């Protein structure tokens, strides 16, 4: 009877090792996906802020919209320079 149990235990052990290995690989794959998505998000955010800064240096109003909310932004240094010119 013990001779018949040995192959069954080997099969169960092999299946368990395969299942555990697949679980670890899938878990690492998900972690890498999240890391790549986070890097892409941070890169896009940095690029958007850099573009906003570049546009603000032109001293023109910059229209910004999020959903239904819209505002115009302008560099405060441009406002200060305009106020100094009118004061002279």
PDB file of N, CA and C in Angstrom:
ATOM      1  N   UNK A   1       0.808  -1.190   0.000  1.00  0.00           N
ATOM      2  CA  UNK A   1       0.000   0.000   0.000  1.00  0.00           C
ATOM      3  C   UNK A   1       0.859   1.265   0.000  1.00  0.00           C
ATOM      4  N   UNK A   2       1.982   1.258   0.693  1.00  0.00           N
ATOM      5  CA  UNK A   2       2.838   2.436   0.735  1.00  0.00           C
ATOM      6  C   UNK A   2       3.512   2.685  -0.604  1.00  0.00           C
ATOM      7  N   UNK A   3       3.650   1.643  -1.418  1.00  0.00           N
ATOM      8  CA  UNK A   3       4.229   1.822  -2.740  1.00  0.00           C
ATOM      9  C   UNK A   3       3.304   2.627  -3.640  1.00  0.00           C
ATOM     10  N   UNK A   4       2.005   2.499  -3.438  1.00  0.00           N
ATOM     11  CA  UNK A   4       1.044   3.247  -4.246  1.00  0.00           C
ATOM     12  C   UNK A   4       0.934   4.699  -3.787  1.00  0.00           C
ATOM     13  N   UNK A   5       1.180   4.975  -2.521  1.00  0.00           N
ATOM     14  CA  UNK A   5       1.080   6.336  -1.996  1.00  0.00           C
ATOM     15  C   UNK A   5       2.255   7.199  -2.431  1.00  0.00           C
ATOM     16  N   UNK A   6       3.417   6.620  -2.629  1.00  0.00           N
ATOM     17  CA  UNK A   6       4.614   7.379  -2.982  1.00  0.00           C
ATOM     18  C   UNK A   6       4.452   8.144  -4.294  1.00  0.00           C
ATOM     19  N   UNK A   7       3.985   7.519  -5.385  1.00  0.00           N
ATOM     20  CA  UNK A   7       3.810   8.289  -6.629  1.00  0.00           C
ATOM     21  C   UNK A   7       2.753   9.390  -6.492  1.00  0.00           C
ATOM     22  N   UNK A   8       1.714   9.128  -5.728  1.00  0.00           N
ATOM     23  CA  UNK A   8       0.667  10.133  -5.530  1.00  0.00           C
ATOM     24  C   UNK A   8       1.235  11.334  -4.782  1.00  0.00           C
ATOM     25  N   UNK A   9       2.041  11.093  -3.754  1.00  0.00           N
ATOM     26  CA  UNK A   9       2.652  12.193  -3.012  1.00  0.00           C
ATOM     27  C   UNK A   9       3.622  12.981  -3.877  1.00  0.00           C
ATOM     28  N   UNK A  10       4.350  12.299  -4.754  1.00  0.00           N
ATOM     29  CA  UNK A  10       5.269  12.986  -5.669  1.00  0.00           C
ATOM     30  C   UNK A  10       4.502  13.892  -6.625  1.00  0.00           C
ATOM     31  N   UNK A  11       3.403  13.390  -7.144  1.00  0.00           N
ATOM     32  CA  UNK A  11       2.573  14.176  -8.062  1.00  0.00           C
ATOM     33  C   UNK A  11       2.008  15.397  -7.342  1.00  0.00           C
ATOM     34  N   UNK A  12       1.531  15.193  -6.125  1.00  0.00           N
ATOM     35  CA  UNK A  12       0.991  16.314  -5.346  1.00  0.00           C
ATOM     36  C   UNK A  12       2.087  17.335  -5.055  1.00  0.00           C
ATOM     37  N   UNK A  13       3.279  16.877  -4.724  1.00  0.00           N
ATOM     38  CA  UNK A  13       4.391  17.791  -4.449  1.00  0.00           C
ATOM     39  C   UNK A  13       4.772  18.573  -5.690  1.00  0.00           C
ATOM     40  N   UNK A  14       4.806  17.917  -6.834  1.00  0.00           N
ATOM     41  CA  UNK A  14       5.143  18.600  -8.092  1.00  0.00           C
ATOM     42  C   UNK A  14       4.084  19.633  -8.438  1.00  0.00           C
ATOM     43  N   UNK A  15       2.815  19.258  -8.295  1.00  0.00           N
ATOM     44  CA  UNK A  15       1.732  20.213  -8.568  1.00  0.00           C
ATOM     45  C   UNK A  15       1.831  21.408  -7.627  1.00  0.00           C
ATOM     46  N   UNK A  16       2.114  21.164  -6.365  1.00  0.00           N
ATOM     47  CA  UNK A  16       2.235  22.252  -5.391  1.00  0.00           C
ATOM     48  C   UNK A  16       3.396  23.180  -5.750  1.00  0.00           C
ATOM     49  N   UNK A  17       4.532  22.620  -6.136  1.00  0.00           N
ATOM     50  CA  UNK A  17       5.696  23.435  -6.516  1.00  0.00           C
ATOM     51  C   UNK A  17       5.380  24.277  -7.746  1.00  0.00           C
ATOM     52  N   UNK A  18       4.720  23.682  -8.730  1.00  0.00           N
ATOM     53  CA  UNK A  18       4.344  24.416  -9.946  1.00  0.00           C
ATOM     54  C   UNK A  18       3.369  25.540  -9.586  1.00  0.00           C
ATOM     55  N   UNK A  19       2.367  25.241  -8.783  1.00  0.00           N
ATOM     56  CA  UNK A  19       1.387  26.253  -8.390  1.00  0.00           C
ATOM     57  C   UNK A  19       2.051  27.398  -7.619  1.00  0.00           C
ATOM     58  N   UNK A  20       2.913  27.065  -6.667  1.00  0.00           N
ATOM     59  CA  UNK A  20       3.593  28.095  -5.876  1.00  0.00           C
ATOM     60  C   UNK A  20       4.496  28.955  -6.757  1.00  0.00           C
ATOM     61  N   UNK A  21       5.193  28.318  -7.693  1.00  0.00           N
ATOM     62  CA  UNK A  21       6.066  29.063  -8.604  1.00  0.00           C
ATOM     63  C   UNK A  21       5.266  30.012  -9.480  1.00  0.00           C
ATOM     64  N   UNK A  22       4.162  29.542 -10.019  1.00  0.00           N
ATOM     65  CA  UNK A  22       3.315  30.408 -10.846  1.00  0.00           C
ATOM     66  C   UNK A  22       2.755  31.577 -10.035  1.00  0.00           C
ATOM     67  N   UNK A  23       2.390  31.316  -8.807  1.00  0.00           N
ATOM     68  CA  UNK A  23       1.871  32.377  -7.947  1.00  0.00           C
ATOM     69  C   UNK A  23       2.926  33.449  -7.702  1.00  0.00           C
ATOM     70  N   UNK A  24       4.153  33.051  -7.430  1.00  0.00           N
ATOM     71  CA  UNK A  24       5.233  34.007  -7.185  1.00  0.00           C
ATOM     72  C   UNK A  24       5.531  34.809  -8.450  1.00  0.00           C
ATOM     73  N   UNK A  25       5.586  34.146  -9.588  1.00  0.00           N
ATOM     74  CA  UNK A  25       5.857  34.838 -10.856  1.00  0.00           C
ATOM     75  C   UNK A  25       4.746  35.835 -11.159  1.00  0.00           C
ATOM     76  N   UNK A  26       3.493  35.457 -10.978  1.00  0.00           N
ATOM     77  CA  UNK A  26       2.371  36.358 -11.234  1.00  0.00           C
ATOM     78  C   UNK A  26       2.401  37.548 -10.286  1.00  0.00           C
ATOM     79  N   UNK A  27       2.731  37.313  -9.039  1.00  0.00           N
ATOM     80  CA  UNK A  27       2.812  38.389  -8.057  1.00  0.00           C
ATOM     81  C   UNK A  27       3.903  39.392  -8.437  1.00  0.00           C
ATOM     82  N   UNK A  28       5.045  38.904  -8.846  1.00  0.00           N
ATOM     83  CA  UNK A  28       6.133  39.788  -9.274  1.00  0.00           C
ATOM     84  C   UNK A  28       5.756  40.551 -10.542  1.00  0.00           C
ATOM     85  N   UNK A  29       5.057  39.901 -11.446  1.00  0.00           N
ATOM     86  CA  UNK A  29       4.594  40.550 -12.674  1.00  0.00           C
ATOM     87  C   UNK A  29       3.663  41.714 -12.343  1.00  0.00           C
ATOM     88  N   UNK A  30       2.750  41.517 -11.417  1.00  0.00           N
ATOM     89  CA  UNK A  30       1.846  42.600 -11.015  1.00  0.00           C
ATOM     90  C   UNK A  30       2.619  43.744 -10.365  1.00  0.00           C
ATOM     91  N   UNK A  31       3.617  43.424  -9.543  1.00  0.00           N
ATOM     92  CA  UNK A  31       4.418  44.456  -8.889  1.00  0.00           C
ATOM     93  C   UNK A  31       5.158  45.296  -9.928  1.00  0.00           C
ATOM     94  N   UNK A  32       5.706  44.649 -10.945  1.00  0.00           N
ATOM     95  CA  UNK A  32       6.418  45.365 -12.005  1.00  0.00           C
ATOM     96  C   UNK A  32       5.449  46.233 -12.793  1.00  0.00           C
ATOM     97  N   UNK A  33       4.251  45.735 -13.066  1.00  0.00           N
ATOM     98  CA  UNK A  33       3.249  46.529 -13.786  1.00  0.00           C
ATOM     99  C   UNK A  33       2.909  47.798 -13.009  1.00  0.00           C
ATOM    100  N   UNK A  34       2.726  47.678 -11.719  1.00  0.00           N
ATOM    101  CA  UNK A  34       2.398  48.839 -10.886  1.00  0.00           C
ATOM    102  C   UNK A  34       3.553  49.828 -10.884  1.00  0.00           C
ATOM    103  N   UNK A  35       4.769  49.331 -10.793  1.00  0.00           N
ATOM    104  CA  UNK A  35       5.940  50.197 -10.781  1.00  0.00           C
ATOM    105  C   UNK A  35       6.072  50.958 -12.107  1.00  0.00           C
ATOM    106  N   UNK A  36       5.841  50.283 -13.222  1.00  0.00           N
ATOM    107  CA  UNK A  36       5.918  50.931 -14.533  1.00  0.00           C
ATOM    108  C   UNK A  36       4.823  51.982 -14.674  1.00  0.00           C
ATOM    109  N   UNK A  37       3.614  51.671 -14.231  1.00  0.00           N
ATOM    110  CA  UNK A  37       2.519  52.634 -14.309  1.00  0.00           C
ATOM    111  C   UNK A  37       2.807  53.858 -13.440  1.00  0.00           C
ATOM    112  N   UNK A  38       3.378  53.662 -12.256  1.00  0.00           N
ATOM    113  CA  UNK A  38       3.710  54.779 -11.366  1.00  0.00           C
ATOM    114  C   UNK A  38       4.781  55.667 -11.994  1.00  0.00           C
ATOM    115  N   UNK A  39       5.788  55.063 -12.608  1.00  0.00           N
ATOM    116  CA  UNK A  39       6.830  55.854 -13.282  1.00  0.00           C
ATOM    117  C   UNK A  39       6.244  56.660 -14.427  1.00  0.00           C
ATOM    118  N   UNK A  40       5.357  56.046 -15.209  1.00  0.00           N
ATOM    119  CA  UNK A  40       4.727  56.750 -16.328  1.00  0.00           C
ATOM    120  C   UNK A  40       3.891  57.921 -15.822  1.00  0.00           C
ATOM    121  N   UNK A  41       3.154  57.713 -14.738  1.00  0.00           N
ATOM    122  CA  UNK A  41       2.349  58.780 -14.151  1.00  0.00           C
ATOM    123  C   UNK A  41       3.237  59.928 -13.684  1.00  0.00           C
ATOM    124  N   UNK A  42       4.307  59.605 -12.964  1.00  0.00           N
ATOM    125  CA  UNK A  42       5.214  60.645 -12.467  1.00  0.00           C
ATOM    126  C   UNK A  42       5.890  61.400 -13.607  1.00  0.00           C
ATOM    127  N   UNK A  43       6.261  60.697 -14.664  1.00  0.00           N
ATOM    128  CA  UNK A  43       6.876  61.347 -15.819  1.00  0.00           C
ATOM    129  C   UNK A  43       5.885  62.290 -16.493  1.00  0.00           C
ATOM    130  N   UNK A  44       4.651  61.849 -16.663  1.00  0.00           N
ATOM    131  CA  UNK A  44       3.634  62.711 -17.266  1.00  0.00           C
ATOM    132  C   UNK A  44       3.352  63.937 -16.418  1.00  0.00           C
ATOM    133  N   UNK A  45       3.297  63.745 -15.117  1.00  0.00           N
ATOM    134  CA  UNK A  45       3.056  64.867 -14.206  1.00  0.00           C
ATOM    135  C   UNK A  45       4.202  65.869 -14.283  1.00  0.00           C
ATOM    136  N   UNK A  46       5.433  65.363 -14.275  1.00  0.00           N
ATOM    137  CA  UNK A  46       6.603  66.245 -14.355  1.00  0.00           C
ATOM    138  C   UNK A  46       6.611  67.009 -15.676  1.00  0.00           C
ATOM    139  N   UNK A  47       6.293  66.333 -16.774  1.00  0.00           N
ATOM    140  CA  UNK A  47       6.259  66.995 -18.077  1.00  0.00           C
ATOM    141  C   UNK A  47       5.179  68.075 -18.125  1.00  0.00           C
ATOM    142  N   UNK A  48       4.021  67.809 -17.534  1.00  0.00           N
ATOM    143  CA  UNK A  48       2.939  68.798 -17.515  1.00  0.00           C
ATOM    144  C   UNK A  48       3.343  70.036 -16.719  1.00  0.00           C
ATOM    145  N   UNK A  49       3.980  69.834 -15.564  1.00  0.00           N
ATOM    146  CA  UNK A  49       4.416  70.968 -14.745  1.00  0.00           C
ATOM    147  C   UNK A  49       5.502  71.756 -15.475  1.00  0.00           C
ATOM    148  N   UNK A  50       6.436  71.065 -16.114  1.00  0.00           N
ATOM    149  CA  UNK A  50       7.486  71.760 -16.862  1.00  0.00           C
ATOM    150  C   UNK A  50       6.908  72.577 -18.011  1.00  0.00           C
ATOM    151  N   UNK A  51       5.909  72.039 -18.689  1.00  0.00           N
ATOM    152  CA  UNK A  51       5.255  72.768 -19.775  1.00  0.00           C
ATOM    153  C   UNK A  51       4.512  73.987 -19.221  1.00  0.00           C
ATOM    154  N   UNK A  52       3.871  73.848 -18.091  1.00  0.00           N
ATOM    155  CA  UNK A  52       3.174  74.968 -17.462  1.00  0.00           C
ATOM    156  C   UNK A  52       4.161  76.067 -17.080  1.00  0.00           C
ATOM    157  N   UNK A  53       5.302  75.680 -16.523  1.00  0.00           N
ATOM    158  CA  UNK A  53       6.332  76.666 -16.159  1.00  0.00           C
ATOM    159  C   UNK A  53       6.844  77.391 -17.402  1.00  0.00           C
ATOM    160  N   UNK A  54       7.097  76.658 -18.466  1.00  0.00           N
ATOM    161  CA  UNK A  54       7.586  77.260 -19.708  1.00  0.00           C
ATOM    162  C   UNK A  54       6.572  78.251 -20.264  1.00  0.00           C
ATOM    163  N   UNK A  55       5.312  77.873 -20.244  1.00  0.00           N
ATOM    164  CA  UNK A  55       4.274  78.780 -20.752  1.00  0.00           C
ATOM    165  C   UNK A  55       4.107  79.991 -19.841  1.00  0.00           C
ATOM    166  N   UNK A  56       4.286  79.820 -18.545  1.00  0.00           N
ATOM    167  CA  UNK A  56       4.125  80.933 -17.608  1.00  0.00           C
ATOM    168  C   UNK A  56       5.216  81.971 -17.786  1.00  0.00           C
ATOM    169  N   UNK A  57       6.363  81.584 -18.275  1.00  0.00           N
ATOM    170  CA  UNK A  57       7.462  82.526 -18.477  1.00  0.00           C
ATOM    171  C   UNK A  57       7.210  83.474 -19.633  1.00  0.00           C
ATOM    172  N   UNK A  58       6.183  83.227 -20.457  1.00  0.00           N
ATOM    173  CA  UNK A  58       5.865  84.119 -21.575  1.00  0.00           C
ATOM    174  C   UNK A  58       5.027  85.312 -21.140  1.00  0.00           C
ATOM    175  N   UNK A  59       4.599  85.342 -19.886  1.00  0.00           N
ATOM    176  CA  UNK A  59       3.771  86.422 -19.322  1.00  0.00           C
ATOM    177  C   UNK A  59       2.422  86.568 -20.020  1.00  0.00           C
ATOM    178  N   UNK A  60       1.894  85.469 -20.504  1.00  0.00           N
ATOM    179  CA  UNK A  60       0.552  85.451 -21.082  1.00  0.00           C
ATOM    180  C   UNK A  60      -0.318  84.567 -20.199  1.00  0.00           C
ATOM    181  N   UNK A  61      -1.617  84.843 -20.189  1.00  0.00           N
ATOM    182  CA  UNK A  61      -2.546  84.026 -19.408  1.00  0.00           C
ATOM    183  C   UNK A  61      -2.595  82.610 -19.992  1.00  0.00           C
ATOM    184  N   UNK A  62      -2.614  81.635 -19.109  1.00  0.00           N
ATOM    185  CA  UNK A  62      -2.637  80.233 -19.524  1.00  0.00           C
ATOM    186  C   UNK A  62      -3.980  79.640 -19.105  1.00  0.00           C
ATOM    187  N   UNK A  63      -4.815  79.245 -20.062  1.00  0.00           N
ATOM    188  CA  UNK A  63      -6.093  78.628 -19.704  1.00  0.00           C
ATOM    189  C   UNK A  63      -5.876  77.193 -19.232  1.00  0.00           C
ATOM    190  N   UNK A  64      -6.426  76.860 -18.071  1.00  0.00           N
ATOM    191  CA  UNK A  64      -6.327  75.513 -17.508  1.00  0.00           C
ATOM    192  C   UNK A  64      -7.738  75.020 -17.228  1.00  0.00           C
ATOM    193  N   UNK A  65      -8.033  73.794 -17.681  1.00  0.00           N
ATOM    194  CA  UNK A  65      -9.370  73.232 -17.525  1.00  0.00           C
ATOM    195  C   UNK A  65      -9.285  71.851 -16.903  1.00  0.00           C
ATOM    196  N   UNK A  66     -10.181  71.586 -15.962  1.00  0.00           N
ATOM    197  CA  UNK A  66     -10.321  70.256 -15.374  1.00  0.00           C
ATOM    198  C   UNK A  66     -11.805  69.972 -15.261  1.00  0.00           C
ATOM    199  N   UNK A  67     -12.275  69.087 -16.114  1.00  0.00           N
ATOM    200  CA  UNK A  67     -13.711  68.810 -16.141  1.00  0.00           C
ATOM    201  C   UNK A  67     -14.458  70.039 -16.628  1.00  0.00           C
ATOM    202  N   UNK A  68     -15.359  70.535 -15.801  1.00  0.00           N
ATOM    203  CA  UNK A  68     -16.132  71.719 -16.175  1.00  0.00           C
ATOM    204  C   UNK A  68     -15.543  73.000 -15.592  1.00  0.00           C
ATOM    205  N   UNK A  69     -14.498  72.894 -14.776  1.00  0.00           N
ATOM    206  CA  UNK A  69     -13.878  74.055 -14.138  1.00  0.00           C
ATOM    207  C   UNK A  69     -12.750  74.556 -15.025  1.00  0.00           C
ATOM    208  N   UNK A  70     -12.737  75.878 -15.266  1.00  0.00           N
ATOM    209  CA  UNK A  70     -11.709  76.471 -16.108  1.00  0.00           C
ATOM    210  C   UNK A  70     -11.218  77.763 -15.458  1.00  0.00           C
ATOM    211  N   UNK A  71      -9.898  77.944 -15.435  1.00  0.00           N
ATOM    212  CA  UNK A  71      -9.296  79.166 -14.896  1.00  0.00           C
ATOM    213  C   UNK A  71      -8.172  79.608 -15.809  1.00  0.00           C
ATOM    214  N   UNK A  72      -7.778  80.871 -15.662  1.00  0.00           N
ATOM    215  CA  UNK A  72      -6.622  81.406 -16.377  1.00  0.00           C
ATOM    216  C   UNK A  72      -5.525  81.674 -15.362  1.00  0.00           C
ATOM    217  N   UNK A  73      -4.335  81.161 -15.626  1.00  0.00           N
ATOM    218  CA  UNK A  73      -3.195  81.346 -14.738  1.00  0.00           C
ATOM    219  C   UNK A  73      -2.210  82.317 -15.373  1.00  0.00           C
ATOM    220  N   UNK A  74      -1.525  83.091 -14.524  1.00  0.00           N
ATOM    221  CA  UNK A  74      -0.486  83.994 -15.012  1.00  0.00           C
ATOM    222  C   UNK A  74       0.625  84.036 -13.965  1.00  0.00           C
ATOM    223  N   UNK A  75       1.827  84.212 -14.422  1.00  0.00           N
ATOM    224  CA  UNK A  75       2.997  84.266 -13.557  1.00  0.00           C
ATOM    225  C   UNK A  75       2.946  85.531 -12.707  1.00  0.00           C
ATOM    226  N   UNK A  76       3.093  85.428 -11.410  1.00  0.00           N
ATOM    227  CA  UNK A  76       3.020  86.584 -10.519  1.00  0.00           C
ATOM    228  C   UNK A  76       4.177  87.551 -10.760  1.00  0.00           C
ATOM    229  N   UNK A  77       5.326  87.044 -11.218  1.00  0.00           N
ATOM    230  CA  UNK A  77       6.442  87.933 -11.548  1.00  0.00           C
ATOM    231  C   UNK A  77       6.070  88.880 -12.680  1.00  0.00           C
ATOM    232  N   UNK A  78       5.256  88.418 -13.597  1.00  0.00           N
ATOM    233  CA  UNK A  78       4.799  89.276 -14.689  1.00  0.00           C
ATOM    234  C   UNK A  78       3.880  90.371 -14.152  1.00  0.00           C
ATOM    235  N   UNK A  79       3.030  90.037 -13.183  1.00  0.00           N
ATOM    236  CA  UNK A  79       2.146  91.034 -12.586  1.00  0.00           C
ATOM    237  C   UNK A  79       2.951  92.064 -11.810  1.00  0.00           C
ATOM    238  N   UNK A  80       3.974  91.613 -11.068  1.00  0.00           N
ATOM    239  CA  UNK A  80       4.823  92.535 -10.319  1.00  0.00           C
ATOM    240  C   UNK A  80       5.587  93.458 -11.247  1.00  0.00           C
ATOM    241  N   UNK A  81       6.071  92.938 -12.382  1.00  0.00           N
ATOM    242  CA  UNK A  81       6.800  93.762 -13.329  1.00  0.00           C
ATOM    243  C   UNK A  81       5.877  94.804 -13.955  1.00  0.00           C
ATOM    244  N   UNK A  82       4.650  94.424 -14.247  1.00  0.00           N
ATOM    245  CA  UNK A  82       3.680  95.357 -14.824  1.00  0.00           C
ATOM    246  C   UNK A  82       3.330  96.434 -13.812  1.00  0.00           C
ATOM    247  N   UNK A  83       3.224  96.075 -12.538  1.00  0.00           N
ATOM    248  CA  UNK A  83       2.901  97.062 -11.505  1.00  0.00           C
ATOM    249  C   UNK A  83       4.057  98.037 -11.308  1.00  0.00           C
ATOM    250  N   UNK A  84       5.293  97.557 -11.400  1.00  0.00           N
ATOM    251  CA  UNK A  84       6.451  98.435 -11.271  1.00  0.00           C
ATOM    252  C   UNK A  84       6.550  99.398 -12.437  1.00  0.00           C
ATOM    253  N   UNK A  85       6.197  98.955 -13.649  1.00  0.00           N
ATOM    254  CA  UNK A  85       6.233  99.817 -14.825  1.00  0.00           C
ATOM    255  C   UNK A  85       5.194 100.919 -14.725  1.00  0.00           C
ATOM    256  N   UNK A  86       4.014 100.632 -14.214  1.00  0.00           N
ATOM    257  CA  UNK A  86       2.973 101.648 -14.090  1.00  0.00           C
ATOM    258  C   UNK A  86       3.264 102.599 -12.948  1.00  0.00           C
ATOM    259  N   UNK A  87       4.038 102.166 -11.948  1.00  0.00           N
ATOM    260  CA  UNK A  87       4.376 103.024 -10.814  1.00  0.00           C
ATOM    261  C   UNK A  87       5.417 104.061 -11.207  1.00  0.00           C
ATOM    262  N   UNK A  88       6.204 103.791 -12.207  1.00  0.00           N
ATOM    263  CA  UNK A  88       7.268 104.733 -12.630  1.00  0.00           C
ATOM    264  C   UNK A  88       6.742 105.815 -13.450  1.00  0.00           C
TER     265      UNK A  88
END
